[in-house]
Amino acid sequence: MPGLLARQHPGPALLPLLRHPDGARASQLSTAEGPYAGRRPGLTRDRSRWIVRALVAAGVVTVVVGGIVGGPPAVRAVQDHFATRVPVHPVAWAASHSAPRQPAKLAGDGYSNTWWGTGYAGDSAGQYMEARFAEPTDLLSVLITPGSSKNTTQADGQATPRTFDLVVKDSSGETHVSQHRINDGGTQRVDVRVRDALTVQLVLRTAWRADPAKQVAVAELEFFGRSVS
């Protein structure tokens, strides 16, 4: 009708914005994938665990195989390292040469003021003393007190071994040779690991304070083996 304002034609009805059942707007829902009910979680963590287990198993196999292939020497080295050491007393002494009243047996009498002397001036290279055991012994170490006493700095002290060989023969007839170097004076330990040892020779090579008026002397030579108890 004229004079009346025309009514605006009603547009399409506005639909309410859809909402997710949890209250989040549908347009804002995350598109990231995640586990849902009945779905197993990813295998990344499980795979890492299996890798670690495989590495541990490989390490165990390596140790076992190494023990089989090179076992005895390695096992014996560990046993010798932790073994209880006990003194082993030789039943006989000998020497390539000795000074008068200075025989080799004085190096095993338990006194540090008695000694074996080579009887030769200078470094006495090649001269030796020998100890023999009553039965095969698992030898582990040797204590040597060089010189004519523990106090090798005294004016009348003799020369002392500097380098020498230890020649050990076992019950099977095999010879084991090792080279050693010690200081001038004081009781010192030398490790010598030989199973079933029967004899030990100390062969002189060079000497401390070698002099035309002095001979090389050894006050004490003590042996230690594995305890059988």
C-alpha atoms as a PDB file:
ATOM      1  CA  MET A   1       0.000   0.000   0.000  1.00  0.00           C
ATOM      2  CA  PRO A   2       1.207   3.470  -0.785  1.00  0.00           C
ATOM      3  CA  GLY A   3       2.606   5.415   2.097  1.00  0.00           C
ATOM      4  CA  LEU A   4       3.666   2.410   3.923  1.00  0.00           C
ATOM      5  CA  LEU A   5       7.288   1.500   4.116  1.00  0.00           C
ATOM      6  CA  ALA A   6       8.045  -1.506   2.105  1.00  0.00           C
ATOM      7  CA  ARG A   7       9.032  -4.491   4.165  1.00  0.00           C
ATOM      8  CA  GLN A   8      12.448  -5.988   3.531  1.00  0.00           C
ATOM      9  CA  HIS A   9      12.241  -9.352   1.971  1.00  0.00           C
ATOM     10  CA  PRO A  10      13.399 -11.896   4.482  1.00  0.00           C
ATOM     11  CA  GLY A  11      16.744 -13.405   3.440  1.00  0.00           C
ATOM     12  CA  PRO A  12      17.721 -16.928   3.955  1.00  0.00           C
ATOM     13  CA  ALA A  13      17.594 -18.018   7.522  1.00  0.00           C
ATOM     14  CA  LEU A  14      20.976 -18.076   9.293  1.00  0.00           C
ATOM     15  CA  LEU A  15      21.874 -21.562  10.319  1.00  0.00           C
ATOM     16  CA  PRO A  16      23.427 -21.982  13.740  1.00  0.00           C
ATOM     17  CA  LEU A  17      27.162 -22.667  13.729  1.00  0.00           C
ATOM     18  CA  LEU A  18      27.713 -26.383  14.173  1.00  0.00           C
ATOM     19  CA  ARG A  19      29.592 -27.371  17.269  1.00  0.00           C
ATOM     20  CA  HIS A  20      31.532 -30.474  18.103  1.00  0.00           C
ATOM     21  CA  PRO A  21      30.002 -32.594  20.845  1.00  0.00           C
ATOM     22  CA  ASP A  22      32.980 -31.612  23.064  1.00  0.00           C
ATOM     23  CA  GLY A  23      32.159 -27.949  22.614  1.00  0.00           C
ATOM     24  CA  ALA A  24      34.853 -27.032  20.097  1.00  0.00           C
ATOM     25  CA  ARG A  25      33.851 -25.394  16.877  1.00  0.00           C
ATOM     26  CA  ALA A  26      33.875 -27.731  13.911  1.00  0.00           C
ATOM     27  CA  SER A  27      35.969 -25.332  11.839  1.00  0.00           C
ATOM     28  CA  GLN A  28      38.698 -25.378  14.513  1.00  0.00           C
ATOM     29  CA  LEU A  29      39.030 -29.146  14.926  1.00  0.00           C
ATOM     30  CA  SER A  30      42.580 -30.391  14.626  1.00  0.00           C
ATOM     31  CA  THR A  31      43.399 -32.453  11.593  1.00  0.00           C
ATOM     32  CA  ALA A  32      46.391 -34.213  13.289  1.00  0.00           C
ATOM     33  CA  GLU A  33      46.139 -37.984  13.350  1.00  0.00           C
ATOM     34  CA  GLY A  34      46.216 -39.698  16.691  1.00  0.00           C
ATOM     35  CA  PRO A  35      45.439 -43.111  18.101  1.00  0.00           C
ATOM     36  CA  TYR A  36      41.831 -43.908  18.503  1.00  0.00           C
ATOM     37  CA  ALA A  37      40.035 -46.640  20.366  1.00  0.00           C
ATOM     38  CA  GLY A  38      41.186 -50.054  19.227  1.00  0.00           C
ATOM     39  CA  ARG A  39      44.292 -48.716  17.486  1.00  0.00           C
ATOM     40  CA  ARG A  40      47.806 -49.854  18.633  1.00  0.00           C
ATOM     41  CA  PRO A  41      50.347 -47.116  19.442  1.00  0.00           C
ATOM     42  CA  GLY A  42      53.318 -46.516  17.147  1.00  0.00           C
ATOM     43  CA  LEU A  43      56.235 -48.927  17.139  1.00  0.00           C
ATOM     44  CA  THR A  44      59.040 -46.331  17.638  1.00  0.00           C
ATOM     45  CA  ARG A  45      59.509 -47.027  21.350  1.00  0.00           C
ATOM     46  CA  ASP A  46      59.244 -50.796  20.948  1.00  0.00           C
ATOM     47  CA  ARG A  47      61.733 -50.722  18.086  1.00  0.00           C
ATOM     48  CA  SER A  48      64.270 -48.839  20.241  1.00  0.00           C
ATOM     49  CA  ARG A  49      63.923 -51.396  23.002  1.00  0.00           C
ATOM     50  CA  TRP A  50      64.503 -54.261  20.606  1.00  0.00           C
ATOM     51  CA  ILE A  51      67.620 -52.541  19.210  1.00  0.00           C
ATOM     52  CA  VAL A  52      69.075 -52.156  22.708  1.00  0.00           C
ATOM     53  CA  ARG A  53      68.314 -55.801  23.525  1.00  0.00           C
ATOM     54  CA  ALA A  54      69.924 -56.931  20.269  1.00  0.00           C
ATOM     55  CA  LEU A  55      73.097 -54.961  21.038  1.00  0.00           C
ATOM     56  CA  VAL A  56      73.315 -56.435  24.538  1.00  0.00           C
ATOM     57  CA  ALA A  57      72.830 -59.943  23.167  1.00  0.00           C
ATOM     58  CA  ALA A  58      75.549 -59.336  20.559  1.00  0.00           C
ATOM     59  CA  GLY A  59      77.924 -58.192  23.304  1.00  0.00           C
ATOM     60  CA  VAL A  60      77.279 -61.328  25.335  1.00  0.00           C
ATOM     61  CA  VAL A  61      77.893 -63.519  22.291  1.00  0.00           C
ATOM     62  CA  THR A  62      81.155 -61.689  21.593  1.00  0.00           C
ATOM     63  CA  VAL A  63      82.396 -62.290  25.131  1.00  0.00           C
ATOM     64  CA  VAL A  64      81.453 -65.958  25.017  1.00  0.00           C
ATOM     65  CA  VAL A  65      83.068 -66.521  21.621  1.00  0.00           C
ATOM     66  CA  GLY A  66      86.174 -64.629  22.710  1.00  0.00           C
ATOM     67  CA  GLY A  67      86.413 -66.825  25.786  1.00  0.00           C
ATOM     68  CA  ILE A  68      86.166 -69.955  23.656  1.00  0.00           C
ATOM     69  CA  VAL A  69      88.677 -68.838  21.019  1.00  0.00           C
ATOM     70  CA  GLY A  70      91.277 -67.185  23.240  1.00  0.00           C
ATOM     71  CA  GLY A  71      89.949 -68.201  26.598  1.00  0.00           C
ATOM     72  CA  PRO A  72      92.682 -69.958  28.541  1.00  0.00           C
ATOM     73  CA  PRO A  73      95.311 -67.147  28.455  1.00  0.00           C
ATOM     74  CA  ALA A  74      92.722 -64.471  29.210  1.00  0.00           C
ATOM     75  CA  VAL A  75      91.120 -66.505  31.989  1.00  0.00           C
ATOM     76  CA  ARG A  76      94.503 -67.347  33.499  1.00  0.00           C
ATOM     77  CA  ALA A  77      95.564 -63.691  33.432  1.00  0.00           C
ATOM     78  CA  VAL A  78      92.472 -62.733  35.431  1.00  0.00           C
ATOM     79  CA  GLN A  79      92.970 -65.638  37.848  1.00  0.00           C
ATOM     80  CA  ASP A  80      96.640 -64.739  38.365  1.00  0.00           C
ATOM     81  CA  HIS A  81      95.796 -61.092  38.994  1.00  0.00           C
ATOM     82  CA  PHE A  82      93.374 -61.891  41.818  1.00  0.00           C
ATOM     83  CA  ALA A  83      95.173 -64.971  43.164  1.00  0.00           C
ATOM     84  CA  THR A  84      96.418 -65.122  46.759  1.00  0.00           C
ATOM     85  CA  ARG A  85     100.228 -65.122  46.682  1.00  0.00           C
ATOM     86  CA  VAL A  86     102.270 -67.270  49.026  1.00  0.00           C
ATOM     87  CA  PRO A  87     106.058 -67.628  49.396  1.00  0.00           C
ATOM     88  CA  VAL A  88     107.698 -70.466  47.495  1.00  0.00           C
ATOM     89  CA  HIS A  89     111.052 -71.640  48.860  1.00  0.00           C
ATOM     90  CA  PRO A  90     113.609 -73.154  46.478  1.00  0.00           C
ATOM     91  CA  VAL A  91     115.244 -76.419  47.525  1.00  0.00           C
ATOM     92  CA  ALA A  92     118.487 -75.836  45.605  1.00  0.00           C
ATOM     93  CA  TRP A  93     120.611 -72.897  44.416  1.00  0.00           C
ATOM     94  CA  ALA A  94     123.356 -72.679  41.799  1.00  0.00           C
ATOM     95  CA  ALA A  95     125.334 -70.019  39.929  1.00  0.00           C
ATOM     96  CA  SER A  96     127.539 -69.716  36.866  1.00  0.00           C
ATOM     97  CA  HIS A  97     130.218 -68.283  39.158  1.00  0.00           C
ATOM     98  CA  SER A  98     130.438 -66.963  42.709  1.00  0.00           C
ATOM     99  CA  ALA A  99     132.896 -64.959  44.753  1.00  0.00           C
ATOM    100  CA  PRO A 100     134.585 -66.771  47.672  1.00  0.00           C
ATOM    101  CA  ARG A 101     132.164 -67.059  50.601  1.00  0.00           C
ATOM    102  CA  GLN A 102     129.387 -65.475  48.508  1.00  0.00           C
ATOM    103  CA  PRO A 103     127.462 -68.479  47.076  1.00  0.00           C
ATOM    104  CA  ALA A 104     124.063 -68.227  45.404  1.00  0.00           C
ATOM    105  CA  LYS A 105     122.259 -69.822  48.372  1.00  0.00           C
ATOM    106  CA  LEU A 106     122.889 -66.654  50.411  1.00  0.00           C
ATOM    107  CA  ALA A 107     120.345 -64.890  48.195  1.00  0.00           C
ATOM    108  CA  GLY A 108     117.701 -67.214  49.628  1.00  0.00           C
ATOM    109  CA  ASP A 109     118.635 -67.323  53.305  1.00  0.00           C
ATOM    110  CA  GLY A 110     116.146 -64.645  54.377  1.00  0.00           C
ATOM    111  CA  TYR A 111     118.779 -62.064  55.376  1.00  0.00           C
ATOM    112  CA  SER A 112     119.353 -58.846  53.461  1.00  0.00           C
ATOM    113  CA  ASN A 113     122.930 -58.360  54.726  1.00  0.00           C
ATOM    114  CA  THR A 114     124.197 -61.568  53.114  1.00  0.00           C
ATOM    115  CA  TRP A 115     124.488 -61.772  49.341  1.00  0.00           C
ATOM    116  CA  TRP A 116     125.488 -63.599  46.194  1.00  0.00           C
ATOM    117  CA  GLY A 117     128.418 -62.063  44.340  1.00  0.00           C
ATOM    118  CA  THR A 118     129.480 -62.920  40.810  1.00  0.00           C
ATOM    119  CA  GLY A 119     133.185 -62.799  41.648  1.00  0.00           C
ATOM    120  CA  TYR A 120     133.872 -60.732  38.531  1.00  0.00           C
ATOM    121  CA  ALA A 121     134.512 -57.004  38.262  1.00  0.00           C
ATOM    122  CA  GLY A 122     132.367 -54.828  36.034  1.00  0.00           C
ATOM    123  CA  ASP A 123     128.769 -55.520  35.000  1.00  0.00           C
ATOM    124  CA  SER A 124     129.180 -59.353  34.976  1.00  0.00           C
ATOM    125  CA  ALA A 125     127.096 -59.617  31.806  1.00  0.00           C
ATOM    126  CA  GLY A 126     125.999 -63.192  31.168  1.00  0.00           C
ATOM    127  CA  GLN A 127     126.553 -64.449  34.713  1.00  0.00           C
ATOM    128  CA  TYR A 128     123.533 -66.019  36.381  1.00  0.00           C
ATOM    129  CA  MET A 129     122.121 -67.506  39.530  1.00  0.00           C
ATOM    130  CA  GLU A 130     119.517 -70.286  39.547  1.00  0.00           C
ATOM    131  CA  ALA A 131     116.823 -71.437  41.966  1.00  0.00           C
ATOM    132  CA  ARG A 132     115.114 -74.840  41.764  1.00  0.00           C
ATOM    133  CA  PHE A 133     111.738 -75.793  43.251  1.00  0.00           C
ATOM    134  CA  ALA A 134     110.844 -79.181  44.732  1.00  0.00           C
ATOM    135  CA  GLU A 135     107.713 -79.466  42.569  1.00  0.00           C
ATOM    136  CA  PRO A 136     105.991 -77.571  39.751  1.00  0.00           C
ATOM    137  CA  THR A 137     104.883 -74.166  40.966  1.00  0.00           C
ATOM    138  CA  ASP A 138     102.478 -71.610  39.516  1.00  0.00           C
ATOM    139  CA  LEU A 139     104.930 -68.727  39.727  1.00  0.00           C
ATOM    140  CA  LEU A 140     103.436 -65.235  39.954  1.00  0.00           C
ATOM    141  CA  SER A 141     106.175 -62.829  41.027  1.00  0.00           C
ATOM    142  CA  VAL A 142     109.726 -62.376  42.275  1.00  0.00           C
ATOM    143  CA  LEU A 143     111.069 -59.964  44.885  1.00  0.00           C
ATOM    144  CA  ILE A 144     114.666 -58.885  44.353  1.00  0.00           C
ATOM    145  CA  THR A 145     116.849 -56.930  46.764  1.00  0.00           C
ATOM    146  CA  PRO A 146     119.851 -55.820  44.698  1.00  0.00           C
ATOM    147  CA  GLY A 147     123.323 -55.156  46.073  1.00  0.00           C
ATOM    148  CA  SER A 148     125.149 -56.342  49.164  1.00  0.00           C
ATOM    149  CA  SER A 149     122.457 -54.940  51.488  1.00  0.00           C
ATOM    150  CA  LYS A 150     119.335 -52.817  51.417  1.00  0.00           C
ATOM    151  CA  ASN A 151     121.551 -49.735  51.799  1.00  0.00           C
ATOM    152  CA  THR A 152     123.358 -49.780  48.464  1.00  0.00           C
ATOM    153  CA  THR A 153     124.658 -46.213  48.825  1.00  0.00           C
ATOM    154  CA  GLN A 154     127.229 -47.164  51.431  1.00  0.00           C
ATOM    155  CA  ALA A 155     130.842 -46.605  50.368  1.00  0.00           C
ATOM    156  CA  ASP A 156     131.734 -50.294  50.373  1.00  0.00           C
ATOM    157  CA  GLY A 157     128.532 -51.401  48.614  1.00  0.00           C
ATOM    158  CA  GLN A 158     128.829 -53.587  45.543  1.00  0.00           C
ATOM    159  CA  ALA A 159     127.373 -52.955  42.093  1.00  0.00           C
ATOM    160  CA  THR A 160     123.697 -53.848  41.538  1.00  0.00           C
ATOM    161  CA  PRO A 161     121.763 -55.378  38.627  1.00  0.00           C
ATOM    162  CA  ARG A 162     120.221 -52.866  36.268  1.00  0.00           C
ATOM    163  CA  THR A 163     118.846 -55.062  33.479  1.00  0.00           C
ATOM    164  CA  PHE A 164     118.510 -58.826  33.496  1.00  0.00           C
ATOM    165  CA  ASP A 165     116.608 -61.746  32.029  1.00  0.00           C
ATOM    166  CA  LEU A 166     114.464 -64.182  33.962  1.00  0.00           C
ATOM    167  CA  VAL A 167     114.610 -67.611  32.350  1.00  0.00           C
ATOM    168  CA  VAL A 168     111.932 -69.941  33.701  1.00  0.00           C
ATOM    169  CA  LYS A 169     111.650 -73.607  32.756  1.00  0.00           C
ATOM    170  CA  ASP A 170     108.400 -75.440  33.397  1.00  0.00           C
ATOM    171  CA  SER A 171     107.660 -79.109  33.979  1.00  0.00           C
ATOM    172  CA  SER A 172     107.042 -79.721  30.254  1.00  0.00           C
ATOM    173  CA  GLY A 173     110.536 -78.501  29.371  1.00  0.00           C
ATOM    174  CA  GLU A 174     109.354 -75.218  27.839  1.00  0.00           C
ATOM    175  CA  THR A 175     111.506 -72.138  28.489  1.00  0.00           C
ATOM    176  CA  HIS A 176     109.954 -68.733  29.254  1.00  0.00           C
ATOM    177  CA  VAL A 177     112.238 -65.687  28.926  1.00  0.00           C
ATOM    178  CA  SER A 178     111.398 -62.150  30.056  1.00  0.00           C
ATOM    179  CA  GLN A 179     113.512 -58.973  30.228  1.00  0.00           C
ATOM    180  CA  HIS A 180     113.446 -56.631  33.214  1.00  0.00           C
ATOM    181  CA  ARG A 181     114.939 -53.395  34.496  1.00  0.00           C
ATOM    182  CA  ILE A 182     115.087 -52.342  38.150  1.00  0.00           C
ATOM    183  CA  ASN A 183     116.300 -49.359  40.164  1.00  0.00           C
ATOM    184  CA  ASP A 184     119.539 -49.091  42.084  1.00  0.00           C
ATOM    185  CA  GLY A 185     118.602 -50.381  45.515  1.00  0.00           C
ATOM    186  CA  GLY A 186     115.532 -51.285  47.512  1.00  0.00           C
ATOM    187  CA  THR A 187     113.402 -54.413  47.367  1.00  0.00           C
ATOM    188  CA  GLN A 188     111.459 -54.489  44.101  1.00  0.00           C
ATOM    189  CA  ARG A 189     108.784 -56.763  42.679  1.00  0.00           C
ATOM    190  CA  VAL A 190     108.888 -58.300  39.224  1.00  0.00           C
ATOM    191  CA  ASP A 191     105.801 -60.074  37.877  1.00  0.00           C
ATOM    192  CA  VAL A 192     106.553 -63.424  36.221  1.00  0.00           C
ATOM    193  CA  ARG A 193     103.498 -65.573  35.521  1.00  0.00           C
ATOM    194  CA  VAL A 194     104.497 -69.096  34.549  1.00  0.00           C
ATOM    195  CA  ARG A 195     102.497 -72.233  35.284  1.00  0.00           C
ATOM    196  CA  ASP A 196     104.290 -75.348  36.596  1.00  0.00           C
ATOM    197  CA  ALA A 197     107.669 -73.605  36.959  1.00  0.00           C
ATOM    198  CA  LEU A 198     110.592 -75.771  38.084  1.00  0.00           C
ATOM    199  CA  THR A 199     113.680 -73.535  37.775  1.00  0.00           C
ATOM    200  CA  VAL A 200     114.331 -69.800  37.567  1.00  0.00           C
ATOM    201  CA  GLN A 201     117.549 -68.221  36.334  1.00  0.00           C
ATOM    202  CA  LEU A 202     118.430 -64.557  36.816  1.00  0.00           C
ATOM    203  CA  VAL A 203     120.833 -63.692  33.997  1.00  0.00           C
ATOM    204  CA  LEU A 204     122.694 -60.378  34.394  1.00  0.00           C
ATOM    205  CA  ARG A 205     122.936 -57.948  31.472  1.00  0.00           C
ATOM    206  CA  THR A 206     123.939 -54.492  32.759  1.00  0.00           C
ATOM    207  CA  ALA A 207     124.660 -53.051  36.201  1.00  0.00           C
ATOM    208  CA  TRP A 208     124.369 -49.885  38.243  1.00  0.00           C
ATOM    209  CA  ARG A 209     127.691 -48.473  39.532  1.00  0.00           C
ATOM    210  CA  ALA A 210     129.755 -51.087  37.685  1.00  0.00           C
ATOM    211  CA  ASP A 211     133.395 -50.608  38.647  1.00  0.00           C
ATOM    212  CA  PRO A 212     136.692 -52.472  38.184  1.00  0.00           C
ATOM    213  CA  ALA A 213     136.876 -52.768  41.964  1.00  0.00           C
ATOM    214  CA  LYS A 214     133.310 -53.995  42.488  1.00  0.00           C
ATOM    215  CA  GLN A 215     131.235 -57.035  41.601  1.00  0.00           C
ATOM    216  CA  VAL A 216     127.500 -57.317  41.007  1.00  0.00           C
ATOM    217  CA  ALA A 217     125.644 -58.537  44.087  1.00  0.00           C
ATOM    218  CA  VAL A 218     122.109 -59.709  44.922  1.00  0.00           C
ATOM    219  CA  ALA A 219     121.124 -59.719  48.596  1.00  0.00           C
ATOM    220  CA  GLU A 220     117.771 -61.499  48.300  1.00  0.00           C
ATOM    221  CA  LEU A 221     115.711 -63.290  45.672  1.00  0.00           C
ATOM    222  CA  GLU A 222     112.245 -64.330  46.862  1.00  0.00           C
ATOM    223  CA  PHE A 223     109.564 -66.194  44.928  1.00  0.00           C
ATOM    224  CA  PHE A 224     105.773 -66.111  45.218  1.00  0.00           C
ATOM    225  CA  GLY A 225     103.256 -68.504  43.741  1.00  0.00           C
ATOM    226  CA  ARG A 226      99.552 -69.176  43.717  1.00  0.00           C
ATOM    227  CA  SER A 227      97.971 -70.433  46.910  1.00  0.00           C
ATOM    228  CA  VAL A 228      96.506 -73.922  46.484  1.00  0.00           C
ATOM    229  CA  SER A 229      94.050 -73.540  49.343  1.00  0.00           C
END
